[in-house]
Amino acid sequence: MQVSESELKTFILDSGLVPRKDVEAADVEAKERQQSIGDILVSSGALTPDALRRIKAYVLGIPFVNLKDKKIALDVLSLIPEPIARTHSIVAFRKTENELEVAMLDTQDLPAIDSVRKKTGLKISPRLTDDESLKHVLLQYQKSLKEEFGDLIATEAGKINLVKEALGDDASEGDLKKMAEDLPIVRIVDTLLRHAIIQDASDIHIEELEDATLVRYRIDGILHDAMTLPKNAGPGITARIKVLANLKLDEKRLPQDGRFKMETDSDKVSFRVSLLPTYYGEKIVMRLLRETGEGFTLEGLGFHGESLERIHQATKQTTGIILISGPTGSGKTTTLYTVLDILNKPDVNISTIEDPIEYQMKRVNQTQVNPQIGMTFAAGLRALLRQDPNVIMVGEIRDSETASLAINAALTGHIVLSTIHTNSAVGAIPRLMDMGVEPFLLISTLRLVVGQRLTRRLCDDKEEYTLDAKEREKIASPDHFDAMFKALADEKLVKESAKLDTLPFYHPKPGGDCEDGYKSRMGIHEILTVSPAIRELILHSASPDELEAQARKEGMLTMLEDGLYKAARGITSIEEVLRAVNDG
């Protein structure tokens, strides 16, 4: 059953959710584009997708269910496998003898309903739900799996003694390969990898200690102990990962790097493996690089207001250098790929030189650095210039040769994107000069520098509080808070009559689905646009402090100010902002 356009328009007008003039304008646009008026209102931001779903459900007489605080029995939840639940946005939440109630985002998805009916043999009663409810239920799948994984590891770890009893430190490559293929080891490693994917970890650390093997996951930038395995599990796990990454099994004295892929029902993940010899064995770190899912947006990464506009203006240029700066693990590569995605159009030739290739992009020519055969960033960049590119992306500017070539590429009519390791946006300028780049070349080519860090996002359930003047002084100078408040006012997020003393901030509230009150991460940024005044300062070898003062005068929010802005919006906490800024 479908909701007619006239019914939908009438109900939206009667509900008063959207002003009449906006509805009428959307109606005209919908007819011109041959789209639904609901879709037009959602794309313009006048209606949320959940509001549109509720309207359609009401018109059709379909009940709406809120599952945000509902714990669903595992036997009911598992009637619909997680991959199907995620793909079709459908979950089971209540079962009687002959009937199964399912919550959906699209109750008109008849193939999904029919598939569940055939699998369960029950009568299916569809109910409408919203995105937050669906996320809450999908998280319950994860918690159920965690329990299963814990039981599996406990069971299989106990069997390793039977396999490894006779193997010592001088085990041959054949013995190691046999150990790597042993069923308990295979199951444990597979479990560790899948568990990390489910936990949405960015890295896995496996460390051999004196009396145990420790597994840790980095989640939202913070390392957490995941599990402790018996000491004798370490060599087998190491051997198994070496086999997966196609590394030398009998090499234990030198570092090794490799890569492998793993597919689950809902994810395709590439694991970048690094092994390092330590006192008690080999330390393994694996970076998880997800190859599936939707691309990032600048807004989703935390850019907003004037900062967002500055990046868009820079991407409209046909020449020049755009740099992303920050320490290791600050999300530079993700930002770089997001900007690259904006530039990725049919009439543009994009070539990259990377170490390693972390994300695979369509219509982009990506080249891997290989120093062992002489394929360095500098050599690769030199070759890319002969490939008739419009846009060049260099993974990192780390030496004077690469910096010089990047400058020359920008001078000869290319857009160059790259990263650089500095603590701030203005810090990129003296760093490039230290690499031998002449000031007159720098002011001719450098367009924009983005400095960034990552902070954890607060969960929806959080504690509100206010800061008085004395408390604010302990955190940052009045100038920083004034800049933050001005940014809020510019984006009309606070009333003109609002005051800093009454402005709410938020503490994390652990519990429920958020163990420590945080979930996922976002960036805090500072955007340095190379204006005529900044160029003049560069030409006269101004200090970083002078450059920052001028940039702030021109409207740049520092990372601290951007962090305070996001803390005042309830996206993160002040504690997180200070941790991120000070860690850099």
Protein backbone atom coordinates (compact mmCIF):
# COMPACT_ATOMS: atom_id res chain seq x y z
CA MET A 1 0.00 0.00 0.00
CA GLN A 2 1.39 3.39 -1.01
CA VAL A 3 0.65 6.88 0.33
CA SER A 4 -0.58 9.10 -2.48
CA GLU A 5 1.15 12.44 -3.05
CA SER A 6 -2.07 14.36 -2.35
CA GLU A 7 -2.62 12.49 0.96
CA LEU A 8 0.96 13.12 1.98
CA LYS A 9 0.82 16.82 1.12
CA THR A 10 -2.50 17.30 2.94
CA PHE A 11 -1.28 15.62 6.12
CA ILE A 12 2.01 17.57 6.17
CA LEU A 13 0.06 20.82 5.81
CA ASP A 14 -2.46 19.82 8.50
CA SER A 15 0.28 18.73 10.89
CA GLY A 16 1.99 22.13 10.81
CA LEU A 17 5.40 20.42 10.82
CA VAL A 18 6.50 22.41 7.76
CA PRO A 19 5.45 25.99 6.84
CA ARG A 20 2.88 26.14 4.01
CA LYS A 21 5.19 28.12 1.70
CA ASP A 22 7.91 25.44 2.03
CA VAL A 23 5.39 22.67 1.29
CA GLU A 24 4.10 24.48 -1.79
CA ALA A 25 7.65 25.11 -3.05
CA ALA A 26 8.54 21.44 -2.46
CA ASP A 27 5.38 20.38 -4.32
CA VAL A 28 6.42 22.39 -7.40
CA GLU A 29 9.98 21.01 -7.26
CA ALA A 30 8.71 17.43 -6.80
CA LYS A 31 6.59 17.68 -9.95
CA GLU A 32 9.49 19.17 -11.93
CA ARG A 33 11.89 16.43 -10.84
CA GLN A 34 9.22 13.71 -10.85
CA GLN A 35 10.03 12.87 -7.22
CA SER A 36 7.98 12.51 -4.05
CA ILE A 37 7.23 15.69 -2.11
CA GLY A 38 8.39 13.85 1.02
CA ASP A 39 11.83 13.15 -0.49
CA ILE A 40 12.19 16.81 -1.51
CA LEU A 41 11.35 18.03 2.01
CA VAL A 42 13.85 15.57 3.52
CA SER A 43 16.67 16.58 1.14
CA SER A 44 16.07 20.27 1.96
CA GLY A 45 16.18 19.58 5.71
CA ALA A 46 12.56 20.65 6.31
CA LEU A 47 11.67 17.10 7.46
CA THR A 48 13.81 14.38 9.01
CA PRO A 49 13.64 10.88 7.45
CA ASP A 50 12.11 9.57 10.71
CA ALA A 51 9.41 12.27 10.68
CA LEU A 52 8.50 11.34 7.09
CA ARG A 53 8.29 7.65 8.04
CA ARG A 54 5.99 8.47 10.97
CA ILE A 55 3.73 10.54 8.72
CA LYS A 56 3.43 7.73 6.16
CA ALA A 57 2.79 5.14 8.89
CA TYR A 58 0.06 7.31 10.40
CA VAL A 59 -1.65 7.79 7.03
CA LEU A 60 -1.48 4.05 6.34
CA GLY A 61 -2.57 3.11 9.87
CA ILE A 62 0.66 1.22 10.69
CA PRO A 63 1.66 1.28 14.40
CA PHE A 64 4.92 2.96 15.40
CA VAL A 65 7.20 1.26 17.98
CA ASN A 66 10.00 2.79 20.02
CA LEU A 67 12.66 0.18 20.83
CA LYS A 68 15.35 2.46 22.31
CA ASP A 69 15.04 1.08 25.83
CA LYS A 70 13.74 -2.38 24.99
CA LYS A 71 15.79 -5.54 25.65
CA ILE A 72 14.82 -8.20 23.14
CA ALA A 73 15.10 -11.90 23.99
CA LEU A 74 17.97 -13.55 22.12
CA ASP A 75 15.78 -16.36 20.74
CA VAL A 76 13.45 -13.74 19.19
CA LEU A 77 16.23 -11.47 17.96
CA SER A 78 18.09 -14.32 16.27
CA LEU A 79 15.04 -15.28 14.18
CA ILE A 80 16.32 -12.65 11.74
CA PRO A 81 20.10 -13.01 11.11
CA GLU A 82 22.13 -9.85 11.69
CA PRO A 83 23.23 -9.44 8.02
CA ILE A 84 19.57 -9.46 6.89
CA ALA A 85 18.60 -7.13 9.74
CA ARG A 86 21.32 -4.63 8.73
CA THR A 87 20.79 -4.88 4.98
CA HIS A 88 16.99 -4.54 5.07
CA SER A 89 16.64 -2.50 8.31
CA ILE A 90 14.27 -5.07 9.82
CA VAL A 91 14.41 -6.64 13.32
CA ALA A 92 12.20 -9.06 15.23
CA PHE A 93 11.07 -7.83 18.65
CA ARG A 94 8.01 -9.82 19.75
CA LYS A 95 6.82 -13.39 19.05
CA THR A 96 3.65 -15.29 19.82
CA GLU A 97 2.77 -18.85 18.88
CA ASN A 98 1.86 -17.99 15.27
CA GLU A 99 2.90 -14.35 14.81
CA LEU A 100 6.17 -12.42 14.64
CA GLU A 101 6.18 -8.64 15.07
CA VAL A 102 9.00 -6.94 13.16
CA ALA A 103 10.16 -3.33 13.33
CA MET A 104 11.21 -1.72 10.02
CA LEU A 105 12.30 1.60 8.55
CA ASP A 106 10.36 0.81 5.36
CA THR A 107 7.17 -1.16 5.94
CA GLN A 108 6.67 -1.33 2.17
CA ASP A 109 9.77 -3.53 1.73
CA LEU A 110 7.65 -6.58 0.79
CA PRO A 111 10.57 -8.82 -0.35
CA ALA A 112 12.17 -8.49 3.14
CA ILE A 113 8.87 -9.31 4.86
CA ASP A 114 8.32 -12.31 2.58
CA SER A 115 11.88 -13.57 3.20
CA VAL A 116 11.38 -13.47 7.00
CA ARG A 117 7.98 -15.17 6.64
CA LYS A 118 9.48 -18.05 4.64
CA LYS A 119 12.40 -18.45 7.06
CA THR A 120 10.29 -18.46 10.25
CA GLY A 121 7.03 -19.94 9.00
CA LEU A 122 5.18 -17.32 11.05
CA LYS A 123 2.69 -14.59 10.18
CA ILE A 124 4.65 -11.32 9.94
CA SER A 125 3.17 -8.11 11.39
CA PRO A 126 5.25 -5.09 10.29
CA ARG A 127 5.65 -2.09 12.58
CA LEU A 128 7.41 1.19 11.85
CA THR A 129 10.42 2.29 13.90
CA ASP A 130 13.11 5.00 13.70
CA ASP A 131 16.88 5.02 13.14
CA GLU A 132 17.80 5.26 16.84
CA SER A 133 15.61 2.30 17.75
CA LEU A 134 17.12 0.23 14.97
CA LYS A 135 20.68 1.09 16.08
CA HIS A 136 19.82 0.09 19.66
CA VAL A 137 18.54 -3.32 18.55
CA LEU A 138 21.46 -3.95 16.18
CA LEU A 139 23.80 -3.31 19.11
CA GLN A 140 22.11 -6.16 20.95
CA TYR A 141 23.29 -8.53 18.21
CA GLN A 142 26.83 -7.42 19.01
CA LYS A 143 26.48 -7.99 22.74
CA SER A 144 25.12 -11.48 22.12
CA LEU A 145 28.04 -12.27 19.86
CA LYS A 146 30.53 -10.98 22.43
CA GLU A 147 29.27 -13.52 24.93
CA GLU A 148 29.55 -16.31 22.39
CA PHE A 149 33.08 -15.21 21.49
CA GLY A 150 34.15 -15.17 25.12
CA ASP A 151 32.94 -18.75 25.59
CA LEU A 152 34.70 -19.90 22.41
CA ILE A 153 38.05 -18.44 23.39
CA ALA A 154 37.85 -19.93 26.86
CA THR A 155 37.08 -23.35 25.34
CA GLU A 156 39.67 -23.36 22.58
CA ALA A 157 42.54 -21.82 24.59
CA GLY A 158 42.46 -24.85 26.87
CA LYS A 159 43.23 -27.19 23.96
CA ILE A 160 46.48 -25.49 22.88
CA ASN A 161 48.64 -27.43 25.36
CA LEU A 162 47.75 -30.65 23.57
CA VAL A 163 49.11 -29.26 20.31
CA LYS A 164 52.17 -27.29 21.36
CA GLU A 165 53.59 -29.42 24.10
CA ALA A 166 56.68 -30.48 22.17
CA LEU A 167 57.43 -27.21 20.34
CA GLY A 168 60.14 -24.94 21.71
CA ASP A 169 61.87 -21.77 20.64
CA ASP A 170 63.76 -23.60 17.88
CA ALA A 171 60.65 -24.78 16.07
CA SER A 172 61.14 -25.25 12.32
CA GLU A 173 59.08 -23.47 9.66
CA GLY A 174 57.16 -26.72 9.12
CA ASP A 175 56.32 -26.97 12.82
CA LEU A 176 55.23 -23.33 12.89
CA LYS A 177 53.05 -23.82 9.82
CA LYS A 178 51.47 -26.87 11.41
CA MET A 179 50.79 -24.84 14.57
CA ALA A 180 49.27 -22.01 12.51
CA GLU A 181 46.87 -24.45 10.88
CA ASP A 182 45.85 -26.10 14.13
CA LEU A 183 42.11 -25.84 14.72
CA PRO A 184 42.14 -24.18 18.19
CA ILE A 185 44.56 -21.47 16.95
CA VAL A 186 42.56 -20.90 13.76
CA ARG A 187 39.34 -20.49 15.74
CA ILE A 188 40.90 -18.13 18.29
CA VAL A 189 42.45 -15.85 15.66
CA ASP A 190 39.25 -15.83 13.63
CA THR A 191 37.34 -14.95 16.78
CA LEU A 192 39.74 -12.13 17.70
CA LEU A 193 39.40 -10.59 14.24
CA ARG A 194 35.62 -10.85 14.11
CA HIS A 195 35.30 -9.55 17.66
CA ALA A 196 37.40 -6.48 16.70
CA ILE A 197 35.16 -5.80 13.70
CA ILE A 198 32.04 -6.02 15.84
CA GLN A 199 33.56 -3.72 18.48
CA ASP A 200 34.34 -1.23 15.70
CA ALA A 201 37.99 -1.25 16.73
CA SER A 202 40.57 0.65 14.68
CA ASP A 203 43.57 -1.43 15.86
CA ILE A 204 44.32 -4.80 17.47
CA HIS A 205 47.36 -5.16 19.74
CA ILE A 206 48.62 -8.67 20.59
CA GLU A 207 51.45 -8.65 23.13
CA GLU A 208 53.37 -11.58 24.57
CA LEU A 209 54.02 -10.91 28.25
CA GLU A 210 56.10 -12.93 30.73
CA ASP A 211 53.21 -15.16 31.76
CA ALA A 212 50.34 -14.40 29.37
CA THR A 213 49.29 -13.19 25.92
CA LEU A 214 47.42 -9.88 26.10
CA VAL A 215 44.95 -8.75 23.44
CA ARG A 216 43.92 -5.10 23.35
CA TYR A 217 41.58 -3.19 21.03
CA ARG A 218 41.81 0.51 20.25
CA ILE A 219 38.21 1.76 20.21
CA ASP A 220 37.47 5.44 19.58
CA GLY A 221 41.17 6.20 20.03
CA ILE A 222 41.46 4.58 23.49
CA LEU A 223 43.19 1.23 24.12
CA HIS A 224 41.12 -1.30 26.07
CA ASP A 225 42.14 -4.72 27.41
CA ALA A 226 40.00 -7.17 25.43
CA MET A 227 41.15 -10.51 26.78
CA THR A 228 44.08 -12.35 28.33
CA LEU A 229 45.08 -15.69 26.81
CA PRO A 230 47.50 -18.34 28.08
CA LYS A 231 51.18 -17.68 27.39
CA ASN A 232 51.43 -20.72 25.12
CA ALA A 233 48.79 -19.25 22.80
CA GLY A 234 51.12 -16.44 21.70
CA PRO A 235 53.44 -18.30 19.25
CA GLY A 236 50.50 -20.04 17.58
CA ILE A 237 48.57 -16.77 17.14
CA THR A 238 51.70 -15.08 15.75
CA ALA A 239 52.28 -17.94 13.32
CA ARG A 240 48.65 -17.87 12.17
CA ILE A 241 48.73 -14.13 11.49
CA LYS A 242 52.04 -14.51 9.62
CA VAL A 243 50.40 -17.13 7.39
CA LEU A 244 47.40 -14.85 6.73
CA ALA A 245 49.65 -11.87 5.91
CA ASN A 246 52.07 -14.00 3.81
CA LEU A 247 55.06 -13.23 6.07
CA LYS A 248 58.13 -15.34 6.91
CA LEU A 249 57.21 -17.81 9.64
CA ASP A 250 60.74 -18.45 10.90
CA GLU A 251 61.83 -14.78 10.99
CA LYS A 252 61.67 -13.57 14.59
CA ARG A 253 64.60 -11.11 14.71
CA LEU A 254 63.44 -8.43 12.23
CA PRO A 255 60.24 -6.37 11.93
CA GLN A 256 57.81 -7.50 9.25
CA ASP A 257 54.85 -5.80 7.55
CA GLY A 258 52.02 -7.39 5.63
CA ARG A 259 48.34 -7.27 4.78
CA PHE A 260 45.30 -9.51 4.40
CA LYS A 261 41.56 -9.21 3.94
CA MET A 262 38.61 -10.69 5.77
CA GLU A 263 34.94 -10.71 4.79
CA THR A 264 32.02 -11.09 7.18
CA ASP A 265 28.34 -11.10 6.32
CA SER A 266 28.18 -7.32 6.62
CA ASP A 267 31.78 -6.06 6.28
CA LYS A 268 34.85 -6.32 4.09
CA VAL A 269 37.90 -5.39 6.17
CA SER A 270 41.56 -5.11 5.23
CA PHE A 271 44.07 -5.75 8.04
CA ARG A 272 47.44 -3.99 7.87
CA VAL A 273 49.87 -6.07 9.94
CA SER A 274 53.04 -4.93 11.71
CA LEU A 275 55.26 -7.33 13.69
CA LEU A 276 58.05 -6.15 16.00
CA PRO A 277 60.46 -8.38 18.01
CA THR A 278 60.24 -7.77 21.78
CA TYR A 279 61.82 -9.33 24.87
CA TYR A 280 59.12 -11.97 25.40
CA GLY A 281 58.18 -12.60 21.78
CA GLU A 282 56.75 -10.68 18.85
CA LYS A 283 54.38 -7.75 19.27
CA ILE A 284 51.60 -7.63 16.66
CA VAL A 285 49.62 -4.53 15.74
CA MET A 286 46.88 -4.75 13.12
CA ARG A 287 45.16 -1.68 11.68
CA LEU A 288 41.56 -2.34 10.52
CA LEU A 289 40.66 -0.60 7.25
CA ARG A 290 37.01 -1.01 6.28
CA GLU A 291 36.40 -1.23 2.56
CA THR A 292 32.62 -1.20 2.66
CA GLY A 293 30.07 1.34 3.80
CA GLU A 294 29.21 4.86 2.79
CA GLY A 295 31.84 7.46 2.12
CA PHE A 296 32.58 10.23 4.58
CA THR A 297 31.42 13.83 4.29
CA LEU A 298 33.14 16.93 5.60
CA GLU A 299 30.12 17.66 7.78
CA GLY A 300 30.24 14.12 9.18
CA LEU A 301 33.92 14.60 10.05
CA GLY A 302 33.06 17.67 12.15
CA PHE A 303 33.63 20.60 9.77
CA HIS A 304 31.07 23.41 10.04
CA GLY A 305 30.31 27.05 9.33
CA GLU A 306 33.13 29.16 7.93
CA SER A 307 35.65 26.32 8.26
CA LEU A 308 33.56 24.19 5.93
CA GLU A 309 33.21 27.07 3.46
CA ARG A 310 37.00 27.62 3.44
CA ILE A 311 37.64 24.02 2.39
CA HIS A 312 35.00 24.17 -0.34
CA GLN A 313 36.56 27.39 -1.66
CA ALA A 314 40.00 25.75 -1.73
CA THR A 315 38.68 22.76 -3.69
CA LYS A 316 37.32 25.10 -6.37
CA GLN A 317 40.87 26.27 -7.19
CA THR A 318 42.61 24.67 -10.18
CA THR A 319 46.13 24.86 -8.74
CA GLY A 320 47.82 24.97 -5.35
CA ILE A 321 48.53 22.83 -2.30
CA ILE A 322 46.04 21.71 0.36
CA LEU A 323 47.69 20.22 3.47
CA ILE A 324 46.22 18.20 6.34
CA SER A 325 48.38 18.36 9.48
CA GLY A 326 48.38 16.55 12.79
CA PRO A 327 50.11 13.77 14.72
CA THR A 328 49.79 10.04 13.97
CA GLY A 329 46.23 8.77 14.49
CA SER A 330 44.55 12.16 14.14
CA GLY A 331 42.43 11.20 11.12
CA LYS A 332 44.52 13.02 8.49
CA THR A 333 44.13 10.29 5.86
CA THR A 334 40.35 10.14 6.26
CA THR A 335 40.07 13.91 5.78
CA LEU A 336 42.40 13.68 2.78
CA TYR A 337 40.26 11.01 1.11
CA THR A 338 37.07 12.99 1.84
CA VAL A 339 38.48 16.08 0.09
CA LEU A 340 39.69 13.83 -2.72
CA ASP A 341 36.16 12.43 -3.08
CA ILE A 342 34.82 15.99 -3.56
CA LEU A 343 37.34 16.52 -6.38
CA ASN A 344 36.65 13.11 -7.96
CA LYS A 345 34.58 14.03 -11.04
CA PRO A 346 34.42 12.47 -14.52
CA ASP A 347 36.40 15.30 -16.13
CA VAL A 348 39.27 15.09 -13.63
CA ASN A 349 42.28 12.75 -13.68
CA ILE A 350 43.42 11.91 -10.12
CA SER A 351 46.65 10.08 -9.29
CA THR A 352 47.97 9.22 -5.83
CA ILE A 353 51.18 7.93 -4.28
CA GLU A 354 50.55 6.40 -0.83
CA ASP A 355 52.14 4.38 1.96
CA PRO A 356 50.03 2.36 2.42
CA ILE A 357 46.87 2.55 0.29
CA GLU A 358 44.32 2.64 3.10
CA TYR A 359 41.10 3.15 1.14
CA GLN A 360 40.39 2.05 -2.41
CA MET A 361 38.66 4.76 -4.46
CA LYS A 362 36.85 4.37 -7.77
CA ARG A 363 38.25 6.30 -10.77
CA VAL A 364 41.43 7.14 -8.83
CA ASN A 365 44.85 5.82 -9.91
CA GLN A 366 46.48 4.73 -6.64
CA THR A 367 50.16 3.77 -6.38
CA GLN A 368 51.86 2.07 -3.44
CA VAL A 369 55.24 3.29 -2.16
CA ASN A 370 57.93 0.58 -2.15
CA PRO A 371 61.30 1.96 -0.92
CA GLN A 372 63.00 -1.46 -1.33
CA ILE A 373 62.87 -1.09 -5.10
CA GLY A 374 63.39 2.66 -5.15
CA MET A 375 59.69 3.61 -5.33
CA THR A 376 59.75 6.45 -2.80
CA PHE A 377 57.28 9.33 -2.48
CA ALA A 378 59.68 11.52 -4.47
CA ALA A 379 60.20 8.94 -7.25
CA GLY A 380 56.48 8.20 -7.43
CA LEU A 381 55.57 11.88 -7.55
CA ARG A 382 58.09 12.44 -10.34
CA ALA A 383 56.39 9.65 -12.34
CA LEU A 384 52.87 10.91 -11.60
CA LEU A 385 53.66 14.26 -13.20
CA ARG A 386 54.04 12.42 -16.53
CA GLN A 387 50.56 10.89 -16.19
CA ASP A 388 48.69 14.08 -17.17
CA PRO A 389 46.96 14.47 -13.77
CA ASN A 390 44.67 17.30 -12.68
CA VAL A 391 44.86 16.33 -9.01
CA ILE A 392 47.79 14.67 -7.25
CA MET A 393 47.62 13.19 -3.76
CA VAL A 394 50.87 12.48 -1.93
CA GLY A 395 50.37 10.44 1.23
CA GLU A 396 52.87 12.45 3.26
CA ILE A 397 55.45 15.21 2.75
CA ARG A 398 58.28 13.91 4.89
CA ASP A 399 61.50 15.20 3.23
CA SER A 400 62.87 18.13 1.24
CA GLU A 401 62.79 16.27 -2.10
CA THR A 402 59.07 15.44 -1.81
CA ALA A 403 58.31 19.00 -0.63
CA SER A 404 60.18 20.49 -3.60
CA LEU A 405 58.40 18.25 -6.10
CA ALA A 406 54.98 19.03 -4.55
CA ILE A 407 55.71 22.77 -4.86
CA ASN A 408 56.77 22.36 -8.50
CA ALA A 409 53.66 20.29 -9.26
CA ALA A 410 51.45 23.06 -7.87
CA LEU A 411 53.38 25.68 -9.86
CA THR A 412 52.83 23.76 -13.10
CA GLY A 413 49.05 23.74 -12.89
CA HIS A 414 48.05 20.91 -10.52
CA ILE A 415 46.08 20.61 -7.30
CA VAL A 416 48.26 18.81 -4.76
CA LEU A 417 46.82 17.20 -1.62
CA SER A 418 49.06 15.87 1.12
CA THR A 419 49.61 15.45 4.87
CA ILE A 420 52.36 16.74 7.12
CA HIS A 421 53.25 15.95 10.74
CA THR A 422 52.92 19.19 12.70
CA ASN A 423 51.11 20.11 15.91
CA SER A 424 49.07 22.95 14.39
CA ALA A 425 47.97 24.38 11.04
CA VAL A 426 50.43 27.32 11.22
CA GLY A 427 53.19 24.87 12.20
CA ALA A 428 53.13 23.49 8.66
CA ILE A 429 54.65 26.71 7.30
CA PRO A 430 57.96 26.72 9.31
CA ARG A 431 58.13 22.94 8.80
CA LEU A 432 58.09 23.36 5.01
CA MET A 433 60.69 26.12 5.28
CA ASP A 434 62.88 23.79 7.34
CA MET A 435 62.63 21.36 4.39
CA GLY A 436 64.17 24.01 2.17
CA VAL A 437 61.05 25.48 0.54
CA GLU A 438 61.65 29.15 -0.29
CA PRO A 439 59.07 31.60 1.15
CA PHE A 440 58.30 33.11 -2.29
CA LEU A 441 57.47 29.61 -3.62
CA LEU A 442 55.37 28.81 -0.56
CA ILE A 443 53.16 31.90 -0.88
CA SER A 444 52.65 31.12 -4.58
CA THR A 445 51.39 27.60 -4.02
CA LEU A 446 50.02 27.01 -0.50
CA ARG A 447 46.22 27.54 -0.39
CA LEU A 448 44.98 25.92 2.81
CA VAL A 449 46.23 24.03 5.86
CA VAL A 450 43.90 21.95 8.05
CA GLY A 451 45.11 21.13 11.56
CA GLN A 452 43.13 18.44 13.38
CA ARG A 453 42.73 16.02 16.27
CA LEU A 454 40.13 13.38 17.09
CA THR A 455 37.79 13.50 20.09
CA ARG A 456 35.24 10.97 21.26
CA ARG A 457 31.55 11.74 20.81
CA LEU A 458 29.25 11.84 23.80
CA CYS A 459 26.35 9.41 23.81
CA ASP A 460 22.79 10.77 23.80
CA ASP A 461 22.47 10.18 27.54
CA LYS A 462 24.76 12.79 29.19
CA GLU A 463 24.89 15.09 32.22
CA GLU A 464 24.43 18.83 31.75
CA TYR A 465 26.34 21.44 33.78
CA THR A 466 27.51 25.06 33.54
CA LEU A 467 30.90 26.72 33.97
CA ASP A 468 31.39 29.91 35.96
CA ALA A 469 34.18 32.41 35.18
CA LYS A 470 36.70 30.82 37.61
CA GLU A 471 36.18 27.34 36.18
CA ARG A 472 36.59 28.66 32.63
CA GLU A 473 39.91 30.28 33.53
CA LYS A 474 41.29 26.86 34.50
CA ILE A 475 40.40 25.49 31.05
CA ALA A 476 41.25 28.27 28.58
CA SER A 477 41.68 32.02 28.23
CA PRO A 478 38.65 34.33 27.93
CA ASP A 479 39.63 34.91 24.27
CA HIS A 480 39.14 31.23 23.47
CA PHE A 481 35.71 31.11 25.12
CA ASP A 482 34.70 34.37 23.40
CA ALA A 483 35.70 32.94 20.00
CA MET A 484 33.71 29.78 20.74
CA PHE A 485 30.66 31.79 21.80
CA LYS A 486 30.89 33.96 18.68
CA ALA A 487 30.96 30.83 16.49
CA LEU A 488 27.80 29.58 18.21
CA ALA A 489 26.12 32.95 17.68
CA ASP A 490 27.23 33.13 14.01
CA GLU A 491 25.59 29.79 13.33
CA LYS A 492 22.49 30.90 15.32
CA LEU A 493 22.90 28.11 17.87
CA VAL A 494 22.53 30.46 20.84
CA LYS A 495 20.25 33.41 21.41
CA GLU A 496 21.68 36.92 21.38
CA SER A 497 20.70 37.30 25.03
CA ALA A 498 22.58 34.11 26.07
CA LYS A 499 25.57 34.35 28.40
CA LEU A 500 28.62 32.18 28.97
CA ASP A 501 27.65 31.63 32.62
CA THR A 502 24.40 29.95 31.58
CA LEU A 503 25.72 28.08 28.54
CA PRO A 504 25.38 24.32 29.11
CA PHE A 505 28.27 21.88 28.76
CA TYR A 506 28.12 18.11 29.24
CA HIS A 507 29.78 15.27 31.11
CA PRO A 508 29.67 11.66 29.89
CA LYS A 509 27.15 9.41 31.59
CA PRO A 510 28.42 5.81 31.56
CA GLY A 511 25.95 2.97 31.36
CA GLY A 512 23.51 1.31 28.99
CA ASP A 513 24.86 0.96 25.47
CA CYS A 514 27.78 3.31 26.26
CA GLU A 515 30.13 1.77 28.81
CA ASP A 516 32.13 4.96 29.33
CA GLY A 517 29.61 7.49 28.00
CA TYR A 518 31.28 7.87 24.58
CA LYS A 519 30.65 6.29 21.19
CA SER A 520 32.60 6.90 17.93
CA ARG A 521 34.82 9.90 17.15
CA MET A 522 34.85 13.20 15.35
CA GLY A 523 37.41 15.84 14.47
CA ILE A 524 38.23 19.20 15.98
CA HIS A 525 39.91 21.45 13.43
CA GLU A 526 41.60 24.71 12.65
CA ILE A 527 41.63 25.97 9.06
CA LEU A 528 44.42 28.30 7.95
CA THR A 529 43.62 30.06 4.69
CA VAL A 530 46.70 31.60 3.10
CA SER A 531 45.34 35.15 2.68
CA PRO A 532 47.31 38.16 1.32
CA ALA A 533 48.13 39.21 4.91
CA ILE A 534 49.38 35.69 5.76
CA ARG A 535 51.48 35.66 2.57
CA GLU A 536 53.09 38.93 3.62
CA LEU A 537 53.97 37.48 7.02
CA ILE A 538 55.43 34.32 5.44
CA LEU A 539 57.56 36.44 3.12
CA HIS A 540 59.02 38.23 6.11
CA SER A 541 59.64 34.97 8.04
CA ALA A 542 57.07 35.71 10.76
CA SER A 543 56.91 33.44 13.80
CA PRO A 544 54.13 30.83 14.23
CA ASP A 545 52.60 33.00 16.98
CA GLU A 546 52.37 35.97 14.60
CA LEU A 547 50.85 33.80 11.89
CA GLU A 548 48.26 32.38 14.31
CA ALA A 549 47.37 35.85 15.62
CA GLN A 550 46.72 37.06 12.07
CA ALA A 551 44.74 33.92 11.18
CA ARG A 552 42.55 34.33 14.28
CA LYS A 553 42.04 37.98 13.36
CA GLU A 554 40.73 36.72 9.99
CA GLY A 555 38.23 34.38 11.65
CA MET A 556 40.16 31.14 12.18
CA LEU A 557 38.98 29.05 15.12
CA THR A 558 41.86 27.23 16.82
CA MET A 559 41.47 23.53 17.57
CA LEU A 560 40.83 24.39 21.22
CA GLU A 561 38.13 26.90 20.26
CA ASP A 562 36.53 24.47 17.81
CA GLY A 563 36.61 21.82 20.53
CA LEU A 564 34.94 24.16 23.04
CA TYR A 565 32.33 25.00 20.37
CA LYS A 566 31.54 21.29 19.97
CA ALA A 567 31.54 20.76 23.73
CA ALA A 568 28.96 23.56 24.09
CA ARG A 569 26.85 21.85 21.42
CA GLY A 570 26.88 18.63 23.46
CA ILE A 571 28.82 16.67 20.82
CA THR A 572 31.83 16.03 23.04
CA SER A 573 33.07 16.96 26.50
CA ILE A 574 35.61 19.55 27.60
CA GLU A 575 37.72 16.75 29.11
CA GLU A 576 37.92 15.09 25.68
CA VAL A 577 38.85 18.35 23.98
CA LEU A 578 41.67 19.04 26.44
CA ARG A 579 42.94 15.45 26.14
CA ALA A 580 43.01 15.66 22.34
CA VAL A 581 44.66 19.09 22.21
CA ASN A 582 47.26 18.30 24.89
CA ASP A 583 48.11 14.88 23.41
CA GLY A 584 49.19 16.60 20.21
